[in-house]
Amino acid sequence: MTAIPDLVDGINLILCIVIFLLGYLVYRKQERISAFLIGIAFGMFGLSHFSVLSGIAFPDVTFILLRICGYILVAAALWLLLSE
C-alpha cells in the first residue's frame, strides 16, 4: 500500500501528538492519572492516523480496536474526573 498524503489526517496526527505530550506533561506535573489516560488514548488515535499517512496496511480490525480502546480510555479518564 502506498502512502496517500491527506491534509486532514496530517492535521489530526499533529493534534494527537500535541495532546499526547500535554497529557504526559500534566501527569508529570500534577500526577493526575486521568490526563495520562487521555494522552494514551490520543496516542492510539495518532497511531491510526500515522498508519493511514504512511501507507502501512493493517487489518481493519486493528483500526477498530485502536479506536475502541482509545474511546474507552477517554471515558475512563472522564469517569475518574467525575468521581474526584
Protein backbone atom coordinates (compact mmCIF):
# COMPACT_ATOMS: atom_id res chain seq x y z
CA MET A 1 0.00 0.00 0.00
CA THR A 2 1.37 3.42 -0.89
CA ALA A 3 1.31 6.50 1.29
CA ILE A 4 -1.54 8.86 0.49
CA PRO A 5 -0.88 12.37 1.80
CA ASP A 6 -4.08 13.72 3.26
CA LEU A 7 -4.24 17.12 4.92
CA VAL A 8 -6.95 16.10 7.40
CA ASP A 9 -5.06 13.01 8.57
CA GLY A 10 -1.87 15.06 8.83
CA ILE A 11 -3.54 17.71 10.97
CA ASN A 12 -5.19 15.03 13.12
CA LEU A 13 -1.83 13.32 13.63
CA ILE A 14 -0.18 16.58 14.73
CA LEU A 15 -3.01 17.33 17.15
CA CYS A 16 -2.89 13.81 18.56
CA ILE A 17 0.85 14.18 19.19
CA VAL A 18 0.26 17.52 20.95
CA ILE A 19 -2.49 16.07 23.16
CA PHE A 20 -0.35 13.01 23.90
CA LEU A 21 2.54 15.22 25.05
CA LEU A 22 0.28 17.53 27.05
CA GLY A 23 -1.32 14.55 28.78
CA TYR A 24 2.12 13.29 29.76
CA LEU A 25 3.27 16.71 30.98
CA VAL A 26 0.14 17.23 33.09
CA TYR A 27 0.61 13.76 34.56
CA ARG A 28 4.23 14.50 35.45
CA LYS A 29 3.41 17.87 37.00
CA GLN A 30 0.11 17.17 38.78
CA GLU A 31 0.19 13.35 38.96
CA ARG A 32 -3.31 13.08 37.52
CA ILE A 33 -3.80 9.67 36.01
CA SER A 34 -6.79 10.93 34.02
CA ALA A 35 -4.52 13.22 31.98
CA PHE A 36 -2.20 10.30 31.31
CA LEU A 37 -5.10 8.10 30.15
CA ILE A 38 -6.32 10.80 27.78
CA GLY A 39 -2.79 11.18 26.43
CA ILE A 40 -2.51 7.46 25.80
CA ALA A 41 -5.91 7.43 24.10
CA PHE A 42 -4.90 10.19 21.70
CA GLY A 43 -1.63 8.35 21.12
CA MET A 44 -3.73 5.43 19.93
CA PHE A 45 -5.74 7.69 17.66
CA GLY A 46 -2.46 9.09 16.36
CA LEU A 47 -1.22 5.60 15.51
CA SER A 48 -4.21 5.04 13.27
CA HIS A 49 -3.67 8.40 11.54
CA PHE A 50 0.04 7.65 11.12
CA SER A 51 -0.66 4.28 9.53
CA VAL A 52 -3.04 5.89 7.04
CA LEU A 53 -0.50 8.59 6.16
CA SER A 54 2.44 6.20 5.86
CA GLY A 55 0.53 3.58 3.89
CA ILE A 56 1.08 0.81 6.40
CA ALA A 57 -1.52 -1.87 5.75
CA PHE A 58 -3.17 -3.00 8.97
CA PRO A 59 -6.24 -5.19 9.05
CA ASP A 60 -9.46 -3.27 9.60
CA VAL A 61 -9.86 -4.92 12.99
CA THR A 62 -6.66 -3.17 14.13
CA PHE A 63 -8.13 0.27 13.39
CA ILE A 64 -11.37 -0.68 15.11
CA LEU A 65 -9.60 -1.98 18.22
CA LEU A 66 -7.26 1.03 18.42
CA ARG A 67 -10.14 3.45 18.30
CA ILE A 68 -12.39 1.46 20.64
CA CYS A 69 -9.58 1.25 23.21
CA GLY A 70 -8.92 4.97 22.79
CA TYR A 71 -12.55 5.86 23.41
CA ILE A 72 -12.68 3.53 26.43
CA LEU A 73 -9.60 5.25 27.89
CA VAL A 74 -11.13 8.71 27.40
CA ALA A 75 -14.37 7.53 29.04
CA ALA A 76 -12.40 6.04 31.95
CA ALA A 77 -10.45 9.27 32.40
CA LEU A 78 -13.62 11.32 32.43
CA TRP A 79 -15.17 8.91 34.92
CA LEU A 80 -12.13 9.38 37.17
CA LEU A 81 -12.50 13.15 36.94
CA LEU A 82 -16.20 12.89 37.75
CA SER A 83 -15.58 10.72 40.80
CA GLU A 84 -12.95 13.08 42.29
